[in-house]
Amino acid sequence: MASEKKTFRVACAECGKSFIVRFEVVDEAAEGKGEKVVECLHCRKLVKIPLEKKYMKPGELVRSRRVDE
């Protein structure tokens, strides 16, 4: 049986262009949401997207630091 895949349309915050990414289910029992970093296909900048944990490898964690100006 083929693994379930989900397709997302992502809009890059830097260049404003959209692109598509696809993720396979890694852990069907995983619950909750997390974030994943993908590279924009147009400008090569990193874009953070929200993603259900069932599409993320166990222990995968994205950290970011908020900077107030």
PDB file of N, CA and C in Angstrom:
ATOM      1  N   MET A   1       0.844  -1.179   0.000  1.00  0.00           N
ATOM      2  CA  MET A   1       0.000   0.000   0.000  1.00  0.00           C
ATOM      3  C   MET A   1       0.889   1.242   0.000  1.00  0.00           C
ATOM      4  N   ALA A   2       0.573   2.180  -0.824  1.00  0.00           N
ATOM      5  CA  ALA A   2       1.353   3.413  -0.920  1.00  0.00           C
ATOM      6  C   ALA A   2       1.095   4.306   0.287  1.00  0.00           C
ATOM      7  N   SER A   3       2.129   5.016   0.668  1.00  0.00           N
ATOM      8  CA  SER A   3       2.025   5.939   1.794  1.00  0.00           C
ATOM      9  C   SER A   3       1.198   7.160   1.390  1.00  0.00           C
ATOM     10  N   GLU A   4       0.428   7.658   2.343  1.00  0.00           N
ATOM     11  CA  GLU A   4      -0.384   8.851   2.098  1.00  0.00           C
ATOM     12  C   GLU A   4       0.529  10.070   1.917  1.00  0.00           C
ATOM     13  N   LYS A   5       0.248  10.878   0.921  1.00  0.00           N
ATOM     14  CA  LYS A   5       1.010  12.097   0.680  1.00  0.00           C
ATOM     15  C   LYS A   5       0.072  13.288   0.729  1.00  0.00           C
ATOM     16  N   LYS A   6       0.602  14.423   1.174  1.00  0.00           N
ATOM     17  CA  LYS A   6      -0.190  15.643   1.199  1.00  0.00           C
ATOM     18  C   LYS A   6       0.593  16.717   0.463  1.00  0.00           C
ATOM     19  N   THR A   7      -0.113  17.475  -0.363  1.00  0.00           N
ATOM     20  CA  THR A   7       0.504  18.526  -1.154  1.00  0.00           C
ATOM     21  C   THR A   7       0.104  19.880  -0.592  1.00  0.00           C
ATOM     22  N   PHE A   8       1.086  20.765  -0.471  1.00  0.00           N
ATOM     23  CA  PHE A   8       0.867  22.108   0.050  1.00  0.00           C
ATOM     24  C   PHE A   8       1.329  23.133  -0.976  1.00  0.00           C
ATOM     25  N   ARG A   9       0.571  24.203  -1.125  1.00  0.00           N
ATOM     26  CA  ARG A   9       0.998  25.343  -1.934  1.00  0.00           C
ATOM     27  C   ARG A   9       1.534  26.367  -0.939  1.00  0.00           C
ATOM     28  N   VAL A  10       2.791  26.748  -1.122  1.00  0.00           N
ATOM     29  CA  VAL A  10       3.477  27.649  -0.209  1.00  0.00           C
ATOM     30  C   VAL A  10       3.756  28.963  -0.918  1.00  0.00           C
ATOM     31  N   ALA A  11       3.486  30.084  -0.235  1.00  0.00           N
ATOM     32  CA  ALA A  11       3.817  31.404  -0.766  1.00  0.00           C
ATOM     33  C   ALA A  11       5.062  31.895  -0.038  1.00  0.00           C
ATOM     34  N   CYS A  12       6.110  32.209  -0.765  1.00  0.00           N
ATOM     35  CA  CYS A  12       7.361  32.668  -0.179  1.00  0.00           C
ATOM     36  C   CYS A  12       7.193  34.088   0.353  1.00  0.00           C
ATOM     37  N   ALA A  13       7.646  34.319   1.588  1.00  0.00           N
ATOM     38  CA  ALA A  13       7.548  35.649   2.198  1.00  0.00           C
ATOM     39  C   ALA A  13       8.555  36.626   1.581  1.00  0.00           C
ATOM     40  N   GLU A  14       9.626  36.111   1.005  1.00  0.00           N
ATOM     41  CA  GLU A  14      10.662  36.964   0.424  1.00  0.00           C
ATOM     42  C   GLU A  14      10.299  37.440  -0.984  1.00  0.00           C
ATOM     43  N   CYS A  15      10.056  36.497  -1.889  1.00  0.00           N
ATOM     44  CA  CYS A  15       9.833  36.875  -3.298  1.00  0.00           C
ATOM     45  C   CYS A  15       8.352  36.942  -3.667  1.00  0.00           C
ATOM     46  N   GLY A  16       7.466  36.378  -2.831  1.00  0.00           N
ATOM     47  CA  GLY A  16       6.038  36.442  -3.086  1.00  0.00           C
ATOM     48  C   GLY A  16       5.515  35.402  -4.065  1.00  0.00           C
ATOM     49  N   LYS A  17       6.397  34.592  -4.645  1.00  0.00           N
ATOM     50  CA  LYS A  17       5.964  33.567  -5.591  1.00  0.00           C
ATOM     51  C   LYS A  17       5.545  32.317  -4.826  1.00  0.00           C
ATOM     52  N   SER A  18       4.675  31.532  -5.443  1.00  0.00           N
ATOM     53  CA  SER A  18       4.222  30.306  -4.789  1.00  0.00           C
ATOM     54  C   SER A  18       4.866  29.093  -5.444  1.00  0.00           C
ATOM     55  N   PHE A  19       4.933  28.018  -4.664  1.00  0.00           N
ATOM     56  CA  PHE A  19       5.465  26.751  -5.151  1.00  0.00           C
ATOM     57  C   PHE A  19       4.790  25.628  -4.378  1.00  0.00           C
ATOM     58  N   ILE A  20       4.975  24.411  -4.817  1.00  0.00           N
ATOM     59  CA  ILE A  20       4.302  23.263  -4.217  1.00  0.00           C
ATOM     60  C   ILE A  20       5.328  22.346  -3.564  1.00  0.00           C
ATOM     61  N   VAL A  21       4.994  21.861  -2.354  1.00  0.00           N
ATOM     62  CA  VAL A  21       5.804  20.851  -1.670  1.00  0.00           C
ATOM     63  C   VAL A  21       4.893  19.682  -1.306  1.00  0.00           C
ATOM     64  N   ARG A  22       5.472  18.497  -1.211  1.00  0.00           N
ATOM     65  CA  ARG A  22       4.687  17.302  -0.903  1.00  0.00           C
ATOM     66  C   ARG A  22       5.394  16.524   0.204  1.00  0.00           C
ATOM     67  N   PHE A  23       4.614  16.073   1.192  1.00  0.00           N
ATOM     68  CA  PHE A  23       5.151  15.311   2.312  1.00  0.00           C
ATOM     69  C   PHE A  23       4.414  13.992   2.432  1.00  0.00           C
ATOM     70  N   GLU A  24       5.147  12.930   2.782  1.00  0.00           N
ATOM     71  CA  GLU A  24       4.560  11.617   3.046  1.00  0.00           C
ATOM     72  C   GLU A  24       4.295  11.470   4.537  1.00  0.00           C
ATOM     73  N   VAL A  25       3.324  10.640   4.880  1.00  0.00           N
ATOM     74  CA  VAL A  25       3.051  10.343   6.280  1.00  0.00           C
ATOM     75  C   VAL A  25       4.225   9.534   6.824  1.00  0.00           C
ATOM     76  N   VAL A  26       4.797  10.007   7.936  1.00  0.00           N
ATOM     77  CA  VAL A  26       5.913   9.326   8.585  1.00  0.00           C
ATOM     78  C   VAL A  26       5.411   8.509   9.763  1.00  0.00           C
ATOM     79  N   ASP A  27       4.495   9.085  10.556  1.00  0.00           N
ATOM     80  CA  ASP A  27       3.969   8.430  11.748  1.00  0.00           C
ATOM     81  C   ASP A  27       2.472   8.726  11.846  1.00  0.00           C
ATOM     82  N   GLU A  28       1.661   7.766  11.454  1.00  0.00           N
ATOM     83  CA  GLU A  28       0.207   7.946  11.426  1.00  0.00           C
ATOM     84  C   GLU A  28      -0.366   8.260  12.810  1.00  0.00           C
ATOM     85  N   ALA A  29       0.279   7.775  13.875  1.00  0.00           N
ATOM     86  CA  ALA A  29      -0.225   7.964  15.237  1.00  0.00           C
ATOM     87  C   ALA A  29       0.161   9.320  15.842  1.00  0.00           C
ATOM     88  N   ALA A  30       1.053  10.042  15.216  1.00  0.00           N
ATOM     89  CA  ALA A  30       1.506  11.325  15.760  1.00  0.00           C
ATOM     90  C   ALA A  30       0.373  12.338  15.759  1.00  0.00           C
ATOM     91  N   GLU A  31       0.300  13.104  16.830  1.00  0.00           N
ATOM     92  CA  GLU A  31      -0.751  14.116  16.957  1.00  0.00           C
ATOM     93  C   GLU A  31      -0.126  15.491  17.113  1.00  0.00           C
ATOM     94  N   GLY A  32      -0.896  16.501  16.800  1.00  0.00           N
ATOM     95  CA  GLY A  32      -0.443  17.873  16.975  1.00  0.00           C
ATOM     96  C   GLY A  32       0.123  18.473  15.710  1.00  0.00           C
ATOM     97  N   LYS A  33       0.646  19.666  15.880  1.00  0.00           N
ATOM     98  CA  LYS A  33       1.199  20.394  14.744  1.00  0.00           C
ATOM     99  C   LYS A  33       2.608  20.858  15.071  1.00  0.00           C
ATOM    100  N   GLY A  34       3.370  21.082  14.052  1.00  0.00           N
ATOM    101  CA  GLY A  34       4.728  21.585  14.189  1.00  0.00           C
ATOM    102  C   GLY A  34       5.022  22.510  13.024  1.00  0.00           C
ATOM    103  N   GLU A  35       6.289  22.761  12.807  1.00  0.00           N
ATOM    104  CA  GLU A  35       6.702  23.595  11.683  1.00  0.00           C
ATOM    105  C   GLU A  35       7.852  22.923  10.953  1.00  0.00           C
ATOM    106  N   LYS A  36       7.927  23.148   9.676  1.00  0.00           N
ATOM    107  CA  LYS A  36       8.968  22.577   8.831  1.00  0.00           C
ATOM    108  C   LYS A  36       9.537  23.709   7.992  1.00  0.00           C
ATOM    109  N   VAL A  37      10.819  23.656   7.724  1.00  0.00           N
ATOM    110  CA  VAL A  37      11.465  24.666   6.887  1.00  0.00           C
ATOM    111  C   VAL A  37      11.696  24.068   5.515  1.00  0.00           C
ATOM    112  N   VAL A  38      11.260  24.781   4.483  1.00  0.00           N
ATOM    113  CA  VAL A  38      11.487  24.367   3.097  1.00  0.00           C
ATOM    114  C   VAL A  38      12.174  25.499   2.357  1.00  0.00           C
ATOM    115  N   GLU A  39      12.849  25.164   1.282  1.00  0.00           N
ATOM    116  CA  GLU A  39      13.556  26.161   0.484  1.00  0.00           C
ATOM    117  C   GLU A  39      12.676  26.596  -0.682  1.00  0.00           C
ATOM    118  N   CYS A  40      12.562  27.898  -0.881  1.00  0.00           N
ATOM    119  CA  CYS A  40      11.786  28.432  -2.005  1.00  0.00           C
ATOM    120  C   CYS A  40      12.450  28.000  -3.307  1.00  0.00           C
ATOM    121  N   LEU A  41      11.655  27.518  -4.228  1.00  0.00           N
ATOM    122  CA  LEU A  41      12.186  27.063  -5.511  1.00  0.00           C
ATOM    123  C   LEU A  41      12.606  28.215  -6.416  1.00  0.00           C
ATOM    124  N   HIS A  42      12.167  29.416  -6.091  1.00  0.00           N
ATOM    125  CA  HIS A  42      12.456  30.571  -6.948  1.00  0.00           C
ATOM    126  C   HIS A  42      13.657  31.380  -6.456  1.00  0.00           C
ATOM    127  N   CYS A  43      13.641  31.769  -5.184  1.00  0.00           N
ATOM    128  CA  CYS A  43      14.698  32.645  -4.660  1.00  0.00           C
ATOM    129  C   CYS A  43      15.667  31.921  -3.719  1.00  0.00           C
ATOM    130  N   ARG A  44      15.385  30.654  -3.409  1.00  0.00           N
ATOM    131  CA  ARG A  44      16.244  29.825  -2.550  1.00  0.00           C
ATOM    132  C   ARG A  44      16.299  30.260  -1.092  1.00  0.00           C
ATOM    133  N   LYS A  45      15.407  31.136  -0.656  1.00  0.00           N
ATOM    134  CA  LYS A  45      15.317  31.518   0.753  1.00  0.00           C
ATOM    135  C   LYS A  45      14.550  30.430   1.498  1.00  0.00           C
ATOM    136  N   LEU A  46      14.754  30.339   2.813  1.00  0.00           N
ATOM    137  CA  LEU A  46      14.059  29.355   3.623  1.00  0.00           C
ATOM    138  C   LEU A  46      12.709  29.894   4.069  1.00  0.00           C
ATOM    139  N   VAL A  47      11.689  29.052   3.988  1.00  0.00           N
ATOM    140  CA  VAL A  47      10.321  29.413   4.347  1.00  0.00           C
ATOM    141  C   VAL A  47       9.836  28.408   5.389  1.00  0.00           C
ATOM    142  N   LYS A  48       9.288  28.903   6.491  1.00  0.00           N
ATOM    143  CA  LYS A  48       8.762  28.039   7.551  1.00  0.00           C
ATOM    144  C   LYS A  48       7.264  27.862   7.329  1.00  0.00           C
ATOM    145  N   ILE A  49       6.805  26.595   7.336  1.00  0.00           N
ATOM    146  CA  ILE A  49       5.394  26.313   7.123  1.00  0.00           C
ATOM    147  C   ILE A  49       4.853  25.470   8.279  1.00  0.00           C
ATOM    148  N   PRO A  50       3.573  25.667   8.650  1.00  0.00           N
ATOM    149  CA  PRO A  50       2.962  24.796   9.664  1.00  0.00           C
ATOM    150  C   PRO A  50       2.663  23.437   9.035  1.00  0.00           C
ATOM    151  N   LEU A  51       2.841  22.380   9.838  1.00  0.00           N
ATOM    152  CA  LEU A  51       2.678  21.032   9.308  1.00  0.00           C
ATOM    153  C   LEU A  51       2.222  20.101  10.423  1.00  0.00           C
ATOM    154  N   GLU A  52       1.317  19.192  10.110  1.00  0.00           N
ATOM    155  CA  GLU A  52       0.896  18.193  11.092  1.00  0.00           C
ATOM    156  C   GLU A  52       2.079  17.292  11.414  1.00  0.00           C
ATOM    157  N   LYS A  53       2.193  16.884  12.678  1.00  0.00           N
ATOM    158  CA  LYS A  53       3.336  16.078  13.116  1.00  0.00           C
ATOM    159  C   LYS A  53       3.402  14.715  12.444  1.00  0.00           C
ATOM    160  N   LYS A  54       2.286  14.223  11.923  1.00  0.00           N
ATOM    161  CA  LYS A  54       2.340  12.916  11.268  1.00  0.00           C
ATOM    162  C   LYS A  54       3.170  12.947   9.982  1.00  0.00           C
ATOM    163  N   TYR A  55       3.464  14.153   9.473  1.00  0.00           N
ATOM    164  CA  TYR A  55       4.306  14.298   8.290  1.00  0.00           C
ATOM    165  C   TYR A  55       5.763  14.618   8.646  1.00  0.00           C
ATOM    166  N   MET A  56       6.073  14.655   9.947  1.00  0.00           N
ATOM    167  CA  MET A  56       7.420  15.006  10.398  1.00  0.00           C
ATOM    168  C   MET A  56       8.104  13.797  11.025  1.00  0.00           C
ATOM    169  N   LYS A  57       9.418  13.708  10.865  1.00  0.00           N
ATOM    170  CA  LYS A  57      10.177  12.640  11.488  1.00  0.00           C
ATOM    171  C   LYS A  57      10.161  12.842  13.002  1.00  0.00           C
ATOM    172  N   PRO A  58      10.123  11.752  13.788  1.00  0.00           N
ATOM    173  CA  PRO A  58      10.146  11.884  15.247  1.00  0.00           C
ATOM    174  C   PRO A  58      11.399  12.640  15.703  1.00  0.00           C
ATOM    175  N   GLY A  59      11.202  13.560  16.615  1.00  0.00           N
ATOM    176  CA  GLY A  59      12.320  14.329  17.138  1.00  0.00           C
ATOM    177  C   GLY A  59      12.712  15.524  16.293  1.00  0.00           C
ATOM    178  N   GLU A  60      12.070  15.715  15.150  1.00  0.00           N
ATOM    179  CA  GLU A  60      12.384  16.850  14.291  1.00  0.00           C
ATOM    180  C   GLU A  60      11.800  18.111  14.914  1.00  0.00           C
ATOM    181  N   LEU A  61      12.618  19.120  15.080  1.00  0.00           N
ATOM    182  CA  LEU A  61      12.207  20.328  15.763  1.00  0.00           C
ATOM    183  C   LEU A  61      12.751  21.532  15.017  1.00  0.00           C
ATOM    184  N   VAL A  62      11.896  22.506  14.804  1.00  0.00           N
ATOM    185  CA  VAL A  62      12.319  23.752  14.179  1.00  0.00           C
ATOM    186  C   VAL A  62      12.287  24.820  15.242  1.00  0.00           C
ATOM    187  N   ARG A  63      13.402  25.476  15.430  1.00  0.00           N
ATOM    188  CA  ARG A  63      13.469  26.556  16.420  1.00  0.00           C
ATOM    189  C   ARG A  63      13.719  27.860  15.701  1.00  0.00           C
ATOM    190  N   SER A  64      13.120  28.893  16.232  1.00  0.00           N
ATOM    191  CA  SER A  64      13.371  30.225  15.683  1.00  0.00           C
ATOM    192  C   SER A  64      13.455  31.202  16.850  1.00  0.00           C
ATOM    193  N   ARG A  65      14.111  32.273  16.609  1.00  0.00           N
ATOM    194  CA  ARG A  65      14.273  33.276  17.636  1.00  0.00           C
ATOM    195  C   ARG A  65      13.537  34.533  17.196  1.00  0.00           C
ATOM    196  N   ARG A  66      12.693  35.032  18.049  1.00  0.00           N
ATOM    197  CA  ARG A  66      11.952  36.253  17.733  1.00  0.00           C
ATOM    198  C   ARG A  66      12.799  37.453  18.145  1.00  0.00           C
ATOM    199  N   VAL A  67      12.944  38.365  17.234  1.00  0.00           N
ATOM    200  CA  VAL A  67      13.743  39.556  17.509  1.00  0.00           C
ATOM    201  C   VAL A  67      12.829  40.772  17.415  1.00  0.00           C
ATOM    202  N   ASP A  68      12.724  41.500  18.507  1.00  0.00           N
ATOM    203  CA  ASP A  68      11.921  42.721  18.517  1.00  0.00           C
ATOM    204  C   ASP A  68      12.818  43.895  18.191  1.00  0.00           C
ATOM    205  N   GLU A  69      12.344  44.754  17.306  1.00  0.00           N
ATOM    206  CA  GLU A  69      13.140  45.932  16.938  1.00  0.00           C
ATOM    207  C   GLU A  69      12.733  47.129  17.754  1.00  0.00           C
TER     208      GLU A  69
END
